Protein backbone atom coordinates (compact mmCIF):
# COMPACT_ATOMS: atom_id res chain seq x y z
CA UNK A 1 62.72 -16.82 -26.73
CA UNK A 2 62.82 -16.17 -22.98
CA UNK A 3 61.96 -19.57 -22.69
CA UNK A 4 65.37 -20.59 -23.91
CA UNK A 5 66.83 -17.82 -22.31
CA UNK A 6 65.41 -19.43 -18.52
CA UNK A 7 67.01 -22.77 -20.07
CA UNK A 8 69.65 -22.46 -21.10
CA UNK A 9 70.69 -19.23 -18.32
CA UNK A 10 72.04 -22.28 -15.17
CA UNK A 11 74.34 -23.64 -17.30
CA UNK A 12 75.84 -20.18 -18.43
CA UNK A 13 76.19 -19.30 -14.88
CA UNK A 14 77.56 -22.27 -13.81
CA UNK A 15 80.62 -22.25 -16.46
CA UNK A 16 80.93 -18.03 -15.51
CA UNK A 17 80.69 -19.50 -11.74
CA UNK A 18 83.80 -22.02 -12.50
CA UNK A 19 85.62 -20.09 -14.97
CA UNK A 20 85.86 -17.39 -12.05
CA UNK A 21 86.62 -20.17 -9.44
CA UNK A 22 89.37 -21.94 -11.56
CA UNK A 23 91.06 -18.23 -11.92
CA UNK A 24 91.28 -17.65 -7.75
CA UNK A 25 92.05 -21.20 -7.53
CA UNK A 26 95.20 -20.26 -9.78
CA UNK A 27 96.01 -16.81 -8.57
CA UNK A 28 96.40 -18.03 -5.15
CA UNK A 29 98.19 -21.59 -6.10
CA UNK A 30 100.42 -19.15 -7.78
CA UNK A 31 101.27 -16.33 -4.78
CA UNK A 32 101.79 -19.63 -2.51
CA UNK A 33 103.97 -20.79 -4.58
CA UNK A 34 105.85 -17.11 -5.16
CA UNK A 35 106.01 -16.94 -1.11
CA UNK A 36 107.67 -20.46 -0.93
CA UNK A 37 110.00 -19.47 -3.57
CA UNK A 38 110.64 -16.21 -1.60
CA UNK A 39 110.87 -18.21 2.12
CA UNK A 40 113.48 -20.58 0.17
CA UNK A 41 115.91 -17.96 -0.67
CA UNK A 42 115.30 -16.36 3.32
CA UNK A 43 116.15 -20.12 4.47
CA UNK A 44 119.19 -20.02 2.34
CA UNK A 45 120.19 -16.44 3.84
CA UNK A 46 119.85 -17.48 7.06
CA UNK A 47 121.56 -20.53 6.50
CA UNK A 48 124.74 -18.81 4.74
CA UNK A 49 124.59 -16.16 7.63
CA UNK A 50 124.27 -18.88 10.53
CA UNK A 51 127.55 -20.85 8.89
CA UNK A 52 125.34 -23.45 7.73
CA UNK A 53 126.73 -25.40 4.93
CA UNK A 54 124.60 -28.32 5.06
CA UNK A 55 121.29 -25.37 5.00
CA UNK A 56 122.43 -24.08 2.43
CA UNK A 57 123.12 -26.64 -0.02
CA UNK A 58 120.13 -28.14 1.57
CA UNK A 59 118.00 -25.32 -0.61
CA UNK A 60 119.91 -27.17 -3.85
CA UNK A 61 118.23 -29.71 -5.92
CA UNK A 62 120.75 -32.56 -6.55
CA UNK A 63 121.45 -31.56 -10.11
CA UNK A 64 121.69 -27.86 -9.25
CA UNK A 65 124.77 -25.94 -11.25
CA UNK A 66 126.10 -23.12 -9.24
CA UNK A 67 127.34 -20.27 -11.25
CA UNK A 68 129.74 -18.38 -8.96
CA UNK A 69 130.78 -15.05 -10.08
CA UNK A 70 135.34 -15.59 -10.82
CA UNK A 71 135.17 -19.14 -10.26
CA UNK A 72 133.82 -22.00 -12.44
CA UNK A 73 130.23 -23.59 -12.01
CA UNK A 74 129.60 -26.09 -9.49
CA UNK A 75 127.32 -29.09 -10.08
CA UNK A 76 125.49 -31.30 -7.69
CA UNK A 77 124.53 -31.03 -4.02
CA UNK A 78 127.53 -33.04 -3.12
CA UNK A 79 129.80 -30.03 -5.05
CA UNK A 80 128.04 -26.86 -3.91
CA UNK A 81 127.61 -28.50 -0.15
CA UNK A 82 131.72 -28.56 -0.64
CA UNK A 83 131.80 -24.32 -1.62
CA UNK A 84 129.62 -23.26 0.30
CA UNK A 85 131.26 -24.78 3.64
CA UNK A 86 134.46 -22.79 2.60
CA UNK A 87 132.87 -20.32 1.71
CA UNK A 88 130.46 -19.74 4.36
CA UNK A 89 133.30 -20.58 6.88
CA UNK A 90 135.69 -17.67 5.85
CA UNK A 91 132.83 -15.16 5.30
CA UNK A 92 131.94 -15.91 9.45
CA UNK A 93 135.44 -15.54 9.92
CA UNK A 94 135.95 -12.18 8.23
CA UNK A 95 132.74 -11.42 9.96
CA UNK A 96 130.94 -11.06 6.77
CA UNK A 97 127.16 -11.07 6.26
CA UNK A 98 125.50 -11.76 2.81
CA UNK A 99 121.76 -9.47 3.10
CA UNK A 100 118.98 -9.61 0.31
CA UNK A 101 117.88 -5.96 -0.33
CA UNK A 102 113.81 -7.69 0.37
CA UNK A 103 111.18 -7.37 -1.71
CA UNK A 104 112.52 -9.39 -4.43
CA UNK A 105 110.77 -10.01 -8.14
CA UNK A 106 109.09 -14.19 -8.28
CA UNK A 107 108.07 -15.15 -10.93
CA UNK A 108 106.18 -18.88 -11.26
CA UNK A 109 105.27 -21.17 -14.60
CA UNK A 110 103.93 -24.35 -14.18
CA UNK A 111 106.86 -26.08 -11.53
CA UNK A 112 109.26 -23.78 -12.40
CA UNK A 113 110.05 -20.45 -10.65
CA UNK A 114 112.57 -17.23 -10.31
CA UNK A 115 113.53 -15.25 -8.42
CA UNK A 116 115.91 -12.21 -8.99
CA UNK A 117 116.91 -8.80 -6.52
CA UNK A 118 119.80 -6.82 -5.06
CA UNK A 119 122.42 -8.25 -2.20
CA UNK A 120 124.70 -6.29 -0.42
CA UNK A 121 127.88 -7.66 1.44
CA UNK A 122 128.92 -5.94 5.10
CA UNK A 123 132.10 -6.87 6.81
CA UNK A 124 131.49 -5.68 10.01
CA UNK A 125 128.83 -3.04 9.53
CA UNK A 126 130.22 -1.75 6.43
CA UNK A 127 129.08 -2.53 3.42
CA UNK A 128 131.70 -4.06 1.08
CA UNK A 129 129.96 -4.71 -1.82
CA UNK A 130 126.42 -4.87 -3.89
CA UNK A 131 125.49 -6.83 -6.65
CA UNK A 132 122.60 -8.80 -7.99
CA UNK A 133 121.76 -12.46 -8.34
CA UNK A 134 118.70 -14.51 -10.45
CA UNK A 135 117.75 -18.34 -8.91
CA UNK A 136 115.76 -20.17 -10.78
CA UNK A 137 113.96 -23.02 -8.85
CA UNK A 138 112.35 -26.57 -9.83
CA UNK A 139 109.14 -27.99 -7.97
CA UNK A 140 109.52 -31.49 -6.87
CA UNK A 141 107.05 -33.49 -4.79
CA UNK A 142 105.69 -29.94 -3.17
CA UNK A 143 109.13 -28.29 -2.65
CA UNK A 144 111.20 -25.49 -4.81
CA UNK A 145 115.05 -26.04 -4.51
CA UNK A 146 117.20 -24.24 -6.74
CA UNK A 147 118.42 -25.84 -10.39
CA UNK A 148 120.73 -22.50 -11.26
CA UNK A 149 121.43 -19.88 -8.91
CA UNK A 150 124.15 -16.98 -9.76
CA UNK A 151 125.41 -13.78 -8.65
CA UNK A 152 127.42 -10.93 -9.55
CA UNK A 153 128.64 -7.55 -7.84
CA UNK A 154 127.53 -4.15 -9.16
CA UNK A 155 132.03 -2.85 -8.90
CA UNK A 156 134.48 -4.58 -11.60
CA UNK A 157 136.95 -7.77 -10.11
CA UNK A 158 139.19 -5.68 -8.29
CA UNK A 159 142.79 -5.88 -10.95
CA UNK A 160 146.09 -7.67 -9.81
CA UNK A 161 148.93 -5.37 -8.70
CA UNK A 162 151.15 -5.56 -11.60
CA UNK A 163 154.54 -7.75 -10.93
CA UNK A 164 157.38 -5.88 -10.11
CA UNK A 165 159.84 -5.23 -12.74
CA UNK A 166 162.78 -7.51 -13.23
CA UNK A 167 166.39 -5.78 -12.45
CA UNK A 168 168.34 -5.33 -15.53
CA UNK A 169 170.30 -7.92 -16.62
CA UNK A 170 174.29 -7.40 -16.87
């Protein structure tokens, strides 16, 4: 029996070591991917606040779908660039800054990842909106790009003012 244990012990030890190494490599890879997704969001935030619409749009895949609140979906990087060209210009002229509240939550499974968190929008230093976001990214050719992106405010949308009453007909 001792002879049998001595004979198979090196094989068992090798399998255990390879299993531990594999788990360590997977964890390191997952952490690297999570860090890359977080870096993508930081790049988005910097580009947005610098009024760099091309830098914002570069974070999206060619087939991405942007789901802004109160607007129809925007499909494709070119349309997303058009959307953000106006949006970042309007924000810059109004003195608006978009701030992600870190840390965010990130998850990865294979070549798909997600990030969620909260944000605030300030205008000339005053908070004018708080909300949450969810972005789904896909890793292609070693780079993470958004394929779905949405956000919404915590407060309900402002209701439009009622139309003035019509004068009575004579």
